[in-house]
Structure formats: C-alpha cells, structure tokens
Amino acid sequence: MNWRISHTQLQEWKSVIDVLSKLYNSAKHPQEGFRYAQEMAAVYLYQLEDAAEAVSIIENKCKNSTLDTSTIHYEAYYKLGDINGCLKVLRACLLNVDDDSTRSVVHYRIASLYEQQNNLQLAFENFEKSYKLNPSLLESIEGMISTGLKLKNWTNVKDWLGVLASKVNSNLLANQLRTGLSRLEEGLKDVNVS
C-alpha cells in the first residue's frame, strides 16, 4: 500500500511529511532524494502553510538539485514577505533561463519587487529590460510610466506614454493616452514658463 497517497487523499499532511521524510532519508540516489524534499517543501508551503519550513527544505535539502524549485522557493519567500529572498530566487532564475519572453517576465517581477521596496531607479531599469526583451509586454511600459511618475522624470513619462499609445489595440484607450500626454506636455510648459 502506498501510504503517501493514502495520507494525501485523507489530507493527513503531517503523516505525508513523515512518509516523505523517511523516503528522503532512505533514497538511494541524490535525484530521488531531491524529488522527495521538493514534495515535502510543497506540502509545507501549500497544505501546512509553513513557508519558513518550505524555504529551509529548499535551501538545505535541495541545494544542488537539478529540479526546478524556483516556484516553491519564490512563493515561500513571498508568503513570508521577504522581498530580498524573492529577489534572490528571481536573480538565480535569470542565470538558468535563455528564452527572452521568460526573461522578460522575470525582469518584470524583479522590477515590481524593487518598486515595492521603493527602489525606483532599479525598478525602472528592470521594467526597461523587460520591455526590451519582450516589447509586447505592455505591463513593462506601464511600470516605466509608474516609476517615472514617482521619480518625477517627466521626459521618461512622456516618451513611454507615447510608446504605450502606439501599442494599445483600443482606439479609445490610445486617444485617452494621447490626451493625457498632451495635458502633461501643457503642464510642463506652464511649469517651465514660471
């Protein structure tokens, strides 16, 4: 009988952890142990809501694993509110990802975290990297506009509002963006005249 499946079906998560721990300790090959450790981390994170233990397992028992533990690792740090931990995981992901579209999303997430930390210059730089890797990711442009506003970098705001207006599919939205851009330009003229 497979006790792990039985305990999982009954949602007896502590028992699932006990079985996985025994399997981990008796694993004959490192890869097998990594799989059990990753599964343990997932149970701690998603079923037992113990993000700290999930991080500990990923960092100690999955240290040299070839399995992708980044999602569990990131989400555990995120649940803990540890933005620096999240950034560490995302930076490590960049080392292993070749696809520009995926790299774009990772830079977008990095930028969003920097924005949460109020590190606006690094947020802007990562939104820009995200956009350069995938110009169809409009959220990156919105991020540059948002951080540009917070930095009061009106040139960047104007430039990226223009780019966003040229990329949106809705004529109504494009017109609203152009109207906002015109108002910004008028406001800047008034400030420069004063």
C-alpha atoms as a PDB file:
ATOM      1  CA  MET A   1       0.000   0.000   0.000  1.00  0.00           C
ATOM      2  CA  ASN A   2       1.280   3.477  -0.841  1.00  0.00           C
ATOM      3  CA  TRP A   3       0.970   5.331   2.477  1.00  0.00           C
ATOM      4  CA  ARG A   4       1.881   8.666   0.970  1.00  0.00           C
ATOM      5  CA  ILE A   5      -1.073   8.559  -1.457  1.00  0.00           C
ATOM      6  CA  SER A   6      -3.410   7.296   1.247  1.00  0.00           C
ATOM      7  CA  HIS A   7      -2.429  10.084   3.669  1.00  0.00           C
ATOM      8  CA  THR A   8      -2.666  12.654   0.867  1.00  0.00           C
ATOM      9  CA  GLN A   9      -6.190  11.534  -0.033  1.00  0.00           C
ATOM     10  CA  LEU A  10      -7.186  11.820   3.636  1.00  0.00           C
ATOM     11  CA  GLN A  11      -5.395  15.198   3.853  1.00  0.00           C
ATOM     12  CA  GLU A  12      -3.273  13.953   6.744  1.00  0.00           C
ATOM     13  CA  TRP A  13      -0.418  16.314   5.920  1.00  0.00           C
ATOM     14  CA  LYS A  14       1.782  15.613   8.960  1.00  0.00           C
ATOM     15  CA  SER A  15       1.664  11.931   8.067  1.00  0.00           C
ATOM     16  CA  VAL A  16       2.528  12.770   4.455  1.00  0.00           C
ATOM     17  CA  ILE A  17       5.575  14.695   5.752  1.00  0.00           C
ATOM     18  CA  ASP A  18       6.592  11.720   7.908  1.00  0.00           C
ATOM     19  CA  VAL A  19       6.424   9.353   4.911  1.00  0.00           C
ATOM     20  CA  LEU A  20       8.301  11.784   2.643  1.00  0.00           C
ATOM     21  CA  SER A  21      10.957  12.319   5.297  1.00  0.00           C
ATOM     22  CA  LYS A  22      11.507   8.556   5.575  1.00  0.00           C
ATOM     23  CA  LEU A  23      11.657   8.249   1.788  1.00  0.00           C
ATOM     24  CA  TYR A  24      14.118  11.154   1.630  1.00  0.00           C
ATOM     25  CA  ASN A  25      16.370   9.579   4.289  1.00  0.00           C
ATOM     26  CA  SER A  26      16.349   6.194   2.533  1.00  0.00           C
ATOM     27  CA  ALA A  27      16.769   7.500  -1.039  1.00  0.00           C
ATOM     28  CA  LYS A  28      19.495   5.621  -2.890  1.00  0.00           C
ATOM     29  CA  HIS A  29      20.183   8.341  -5.460  1.00  0.00           C
ATOM     30  CA  PRO A  30      20.505  12.093  -4.859  1.00  0.00           C
ATOM     31  CA  GLN A  31      17.922  12.891  -7.563  1.00  0.00           C
ATOM     32  CA  GLU A  32      15.389  10.690  -5.800  1.00  0.00           C
ATOM     33  CA  GLY A  33      16.059  12.482  -2.522  1.00  0.00           C
ATOM     34  CA  PHE A  34      15.662  15.860  -4.213  1.00  0.00           C
ATOM     35  CA  ARG A  35      12.221  14.839  -5.501  1.00  0.00           C
ATOM     36  CA  TYR A  36      11.064  13.842  -2.013  1.00  0.00           C
ATOM     37  CA  ALA A  37      12.486  17.024  -0.496  1.00  0.00           C
ATOM     38  CA  GLN A  38      10.780  19.168  -3.117  1.00  0.00           C
ATOM     39  CA  GLU A  39       7.494  17.398  -2.431  1.00  0.00           C
ATOM     40  CA  MET A  40       7.980  17.982   1.317  1.00  0.00           C
ATOM     41  CA  ALA A  41       8.579  21.683   0.710  1.00  0.00           C
ATOM     42  CA  ALA A  42       5.411  21.874  -1.371  1.00  0.00           C
ATOM     43  CA  VAL A  43       3.346  20.205   1.369  1.00  0.00           C
ATOM     44  CA  TYR A  44       4.761  22.589   3.979  1.00  0.00           C
ATOM     45  CA  LEU A  45       4.032  25.605   1.789  1.00  0.00           C
ATOM     46  CA  TYR A  46       0.656  24.784   0.265  1.00  0.00           C
ATOM     47  CA  GLN A  47      -1.006  22.459   2.773  1.00  0.00           C
ATOM     48  CA  LEU A  48       0.543  23.295   6.150  1.00  0.00           C
ATOM     49  CA  GLU A  49       1.124  26.988   5.339  1.00  0.00           C
ATOM     50  CA  ASP A  50       4.601  26.865   6.857  1.00  0.00           C
ATOM     51  CA  ALA A  51       6.561  28.960   4.374  1.00  0.00           C
ATOM     52  CA  ALA A  52       9.644  29.167   6.612  1.00  0.00           C
ATOM     53  CA  GLU A  53       9.978  25.377   6.706  1.00  0.00           C
ATOM     54  CA  ALA A  54       9.476  25.219   2.930  1.00  0.00           C
ATOM     55  CA  VAL A  55      12.360  27.692   2.452  1.00  0.00           C
ATOM     56  CA  SER A  56      14.541  25.706   4.854  1.00  0.00           C
ATOM     57  CA  ILE A  57      13.930  22.438   2.982  1.00  0.00           C
ATOM     58  CA  ILE A  58      14.574  24.012  -0.449  1.00  0.00           C
ATOM     59  CA  GLU A  59      17.778  25.677   0.745  1.00  0.00           C
ATOM     60  CA  ASN A  60      19.129  22.718   2.715  1.00  0.00           C
ATOM     61  CA  LYS A  61      17.794  19.526   1.172  1.00  0.00           C
ATOM     62  CA  CYS A  62      17.502  20.684  -2.455  1.00  0.00           C
ATOM     63  CA  LYS A  63      20.760  22.646  -2.512  1.00  0.00           C
ATOM     64  CA  ASN A  64      22.375  21.028  -5.572  1.00  0.00           C
ATOM     65  CA  SER A  65      19.202  19.720  -7.168  1.00  0.00           C
ATOM     66  CA  THR A  66      18.719  19.844 -10.911  1.00  0.00           C
ATOM     67  CA  LEU A  67      14.946  20.055 -10.302  1.00  0.00           C
ATOM     68  CA  ASP A  68      13.337  23.464 -10.681  1.00  0.00           C
ATOM     69  CA  THR A  69      12.372  24.512  -7.169  1.00  0.00           C
ATOM     70  CA  SER A  70      12.125  28.218  -8.007  1.00  0.00           C
ATOM     71  CA  THR A  71       8.327  28.468  -7.878  1.00  0.00           C
ATOM     72  CA  ILE A  72       8.064  26.935  -4.409  1.00  0.00           C
ATOM     73  CA  HIS A  73      11.106  28.905  -3.240  1.00  0.00           C
ATOM     74  CA  TYR A  74       9.748  32.221  -4.560  1.00  0.00           C
ATOM     75  CA  GLU A  75       6.219  31.688  -3.264  1.00  0.00           C
ATOM     76  CA  ALA A  76       7.504  30.718   0.185  1.00  0.00           C
ATOM     77  CA  TYR A  77       9.599  33.884   0.429  1.00  0.00           C
ATOM     78  CA  TYR A  78       6.637  35.892  -0.886  1.00  0.00           C
ATOM     79  CA  LYS A  79       4.325  34.454   1.798  1.00  0.00           C
ATOM     80  CA  LEU A  80       6.948  35.377   4.377  1.00  0.00           C
ATOM     81  CA  GLY A  81       7.019  38.934   2.995  1.00  0.00           C
ATOM     82  CA  ASP A  82      10.756  38.545   2.331  1.00  0.00           C
ATOM     83  CA  ILE A  83      11.269  40.651  -0.791  1.00  0.00           C
ATOM     84  CA  ASN A  84      15.045  40.204  -0.704  1.00  0.00           C
ATOM     85  CA  GLY A  85      14.537  36.429  -0.677  1.00  0.00           C
ATOM     86  CA  CYS A  86      12.184  36.731  -3.658  1.00  0.00           C
ATOM     87  CA  LEU A  87      14.773  38.846  -5.495  1.00  0.00           C
ATOM     88  CA  LYS A  88      17.477  36.249  -4.764  1.00  0.00           C
ATOM     89  CA  VAL A  89      15.329  33.491  -6.303  1.00  0.00           C
ATOM     90  CA  LEU A  90      14.459  35.577  -9.375  1.00  0.00           C
ATOM     91  CA  ARG A  91      18.097  36.577  -9.976  1.00  0.00           C
ATOM     92  CA  ALA A  92      19.066  32.884  -9.832  1.00  0.00           C
ATOM     93  CA  CYS A  93      16.320  32.158 -12.387  1.00  0.00           C
ATOM     94  CA  LEU A  94      17.889  34.645 -14.799  1.00  0.00           C
ATOM     95  CA  LEU A  95      21.072  32.548 -14.797  1.00  0.00           C
ATOM     96  CA  ASN A  96      19.155  29.480 -15.994  1.00  0.00           C
ATOM     97  CA  VAL A  97      16.694  30.962 -18.497  1.00  0.00           C
ATOM     98  CA  ASP A  98      17.560  31.528 -22.160  1.00  0.00           C
ATOM     99  CA  ASP A  99      14.116  32.352 -23.558  1.00  0.00           C
ATOM    100  CA  ASP A 100      13.663  36.130 -23.971  1.00  0.00           C
ATOM    101  CA  SER A 101       9.958  36.001 -23.209  1.00  0.00           C
ATOM    102  CA  THR A 102      10.561  34.223 -19.898  1.00  0.00           C
ATOM    103  CA  ARG A 103      13.495  36.509 -19.050  1.00  0.00           C
ATOM    104  CA  SER A 104      11.174  39.450 -19.715  1.00  0.00           C
ATOM    105  CA  VAL A 105       8.647  38.165 -17.170  1.00  0.00           C
ATOM    106  CA  VAL A 106      11.396  37.573 -14.596  1.00  0.00           C
ATOM    107  CA  HIS A 107      12.713  41.134 -15.044  1.00  0.00           C
ATOM    108  CA  TYR A 108       9.130  42.417 -14.755  1.00  0.00           C
ATOM    109  CA  ARG A 109       8.718  40.599 -11.421  1.00  0.00           C
ATOM    110  CA  ILE A 110      12.087  41.891 -10.216  1.00  0.00           C
ATOM    111  CA  ALA A 111      11.033  45.421 -11.150  1.00  0.00           C
ATOM    112  CA  SER A 112       7.729  45.047  -9.297  1.00  0.00           C
ATOM    113  CA  LEU A 113       9.554  43.924  -6.164  1.00  0.00           C
ATOM    114  CA  TYR A 114      12.001  46.831  -6.372  1.00  0.00           C
ATOM    115  CA  GLU A 115       9.002  49.139  -6.754  1.00  0.00           C
ATOM    116  CA  GLN A 116       7.518  47.666  -3.542  1.00  0.00           C
ATOM    117  CA  GLN A 117      10.811  48.451  -1.812  1.00  0.00           C
ATOM    118  CA  ASN A 118      10.617  51.988  -3.207  1.00  0.00           C
ATOM    119  CA  ASN A 119      13.900  51.361  -5.047  1.00  0.00           C
ATOM    120  CA  LEU A 120      12.506  53.202  -8.048  1.00  0.00           C
ATOM    121  CA  GLN A 121      15.639  53.517 -10.173  1.00  0.00           C
ATOM    122  CA  LEU A 122      16.279  49.750 -10.119  1.00  0.00           C
ATOM    123  CA  ALA A 123      12.560  49.171 -10.704  1.00  0.00           C
ATOM    124  CA  PHE A 124      12.655  51.405 -13.790  1.00  0.00           C
ATOM    125  CA  GLU A 125      15.803  49.698 -15.124  1.00  0.00           C
ATOM    126  CA  ASN A 126      14.240  46.238 -14.787  1.00  0.00           C
ATOM    127  CA  PHE A 127      10.945  47.328 -16.356  1.00  0.00           C
ATOM    128  CA  GLU A 128      13.042  48.645 -19.249  1.00  0.00           C
ATOM    129  CA  LYS A 129      14.992  45.353 -19.540  1.00  0.00           C
ATOM    130  CA  SER A 130      11.672  43.510 -19.515  1.00  0.00           C
ATOM    131  CA  TYR A 131      10.342  45.684 -22.337  1.00  0.00           C
ATOM    132  CA  LYS A 132      13.496  45.295 -24.449  1.00  0.00           C
ATOM    133  CA  LEU A 133      13.257  41.505 -24.152  1.00  0.00           C
ATOM    134  CA  ASN A 134       9.536  41.447 -24.997  1.00  0.00           C
ATOM    135  CA  PRO A 135       8.094  44.680 -26.468  1.00  0.00           C
ATOM    136  CA  SER A 136       4.592  43.184 -26.448  1.00  0.00           C
ATOM    137  CA  LEU A 137       4.534  43.049 -22.619  1.00  0.00           C
ATOM    138  CA  LEU A 138       2.639  46.307 -22.107  1.00  0.00           C
ATOM    139  CA  GLU A 139       2.802  45.937 -18.328  1.00  0.00           C
ATOM    140  CA  SER A 140       6.512  46.788 -18.582  1.00  0.00           C
ATOM    141  CA  ILE A 141       5.658  50.105 -20.228  1.00  0.00           C
ATOM    142  CA  GLU A 142       3.054  50.795 -17.554  1.00  0.00           C
ATOM    143  CA  GLY A 143       5.722  50.049 -14.933  1.00  0.00           C
ATOM    144  CA  MET A 144       8.138  52.518 -16.524  1.00  0.00           C
ATOM    145  CA  ILE A 145       5.412  55.176 -16.594  1.00  0.00           C
ATOM    146  CA  SER A 146       4.516  54.494 -12.954  1.00  0.00           C
ATOM    147  CA  THR A 147       8.120  54.653 -11.727  1.00  0.00           C
ATOM    148  CA  GLY A 148       8.807  57.654 -13.986  1.00  0.00           C
ATOM    149  CA  LEU A 149       5.933  59.493 -12.295  1.00  0.00           C
ATOM    150  CA  LYS A 150       7.258  58.628  -8.833  1.00  0.00           C
ATOM    151  CA  LEU A 151      10.765  59.728  -9.860  1.00  0.00           C
ATOM    152  CA  LYS A 152       9.287  62.882 -11.450  1.00  0.00           C
ATOM    153  CA  ASN A 153      11.199  62.028 -14.608  1.00  0.00           C
ATOM    154  CA  TRP A 154       8.751  63.740 -16.957  1.00  0.00           C
ATOM    155  CA  THR A 155      10.764  63.037 -20.103  1.00  0.00           C
ATOM    156  CA  ASN A 156      10.549  59.292 -19.497  1.00  0.00           C
ATOM    157  CA  VAL A 157       6.854  59.559 -18.651  1.00  0.00           C
ATOM    158  CA  LYS A 158       6.159  61.474 -21.898  1.00  0.00           C
ATOM    159  CA  ASP A 159       8.234  59.085 -24.012  1.00  0.00           C
ATOM    160  CA  TRP A 160       6.659  55.920 -22.596  1.00  0.00           C
ATOM    161  CA  LEU A 161       3.106  57.319 -22.710  1.00  0.00           C
ATOM    162  CA  GLY A 162       3.701  57.864 -26.432  1.00  0.00           C
ATOM    163  CA  VAL A 163       5.012  54.327 -26.874  1.00  0.00           C
ATOM    164  CA  LEU A 164       2.070  52.875 -24.941  1.00  0.00           C
ATOM    165  CA  ALA A 165      -0.423  54.902 -27.019  1.00  0.00           C
ATOM    166  CA  SER A 166       1.109  53.445 -30.191  1.00  0.00           C
ATOM    167  CA  LYS A 167       0.861  49.845 -28.921  1.00  0.00           C
ATOM    168  CA  VAL A 168      -2.618  49.554 -27.414  1.00  0.00           C
ATOM    169  CA  ASN A 169      -5.282  47.880 -29.546  1.00  0.00           C
ATOM    170  CA  SER A 170      -8.154  50.098 -28.462  1.00  0.00           C
ATOM    171  CA  ASN A 171      -8.601  53.425 -30.279  1.00  0.00           C
ATOM    172  CA  LEU A 172     -10.457  54.800 -27.257  1.00  0.00           C
ATOM    173  CA  LEU A 173      -7.582  53.922 -24.924  1.00  0.00           C
ATOM    174  CA  ALA A 174      -4.992  55.264 -27.389  1.00  0.00           C
ATOM    175  CA  ASN A 175      -6.912  58.560 -27.570  1.00  0.00           C
ATOM    176  CA  GLN A 176      -7.122  58.768 -23.775  1.00  0.00           C
ATOM    177  CA  LEU A 177      -3.366  58.193 -23.519  1.00  0.00           C
ATOM    178  CA  ARG A 178      -2.669  60.878 -26.139  1.00  0.00           C
ATOM    179  CA  THR A 179      -4.963  63.278 -24.253  1.00  0.00           C
ATOM    180  CA  GLY A 180      -3.095  62.549 -21.025  1.00  0.00           C
ATOM    181  CA  LEU A 181       0.206  63.066 -22.845  1.00  0.00           C
ATOM    182  CA  SER A 182      -0.992  66.440 -24.196  1.00  0.00           C
ATOM    183  CA  ARG A 183      -2.061  67.528 -20.710  1.00  0.00           C
ATOM    184  CA  LEU A 184       1.303  66.512 -19.310  1.00  0.00           C
ATOM    185  CA  GLU A 185       3.116  68.485 -22.017  1.00  0.00           C
ATOM    186  CA  GLU A 186       0.917  71.547 -21.333  1.00  0.00           C
ATOM    187  CA  GLY A 187       1.556  71.251 -17.617  1.00  0.00           C
ATOM    188  CA  LEU A 188       5.290  71.023 -18.188  1.00  0.00           C
ATOM    189  CA  LYS A 189       5.207  74.126 -20.434  1.00  0.00           C
ATOM    190  CA  ASP A 190       3.410  76.054 -17.695  1.00  0.00           C
ATOM    191  CA  VAL A 191       5.999  74.941 -15.104  1.00  0.00           C
ATOM    192  CA  ASN A 192       8.891  75.895 -17.402  1.00  0.00           C
ATOM    193  CA  VAL A 193       7.380  79.341 -18.089  1.00  0.00           C
ATOM    194  CA  SER A 194       7.016  80.141 -14.375  1.00  0.00           C
END
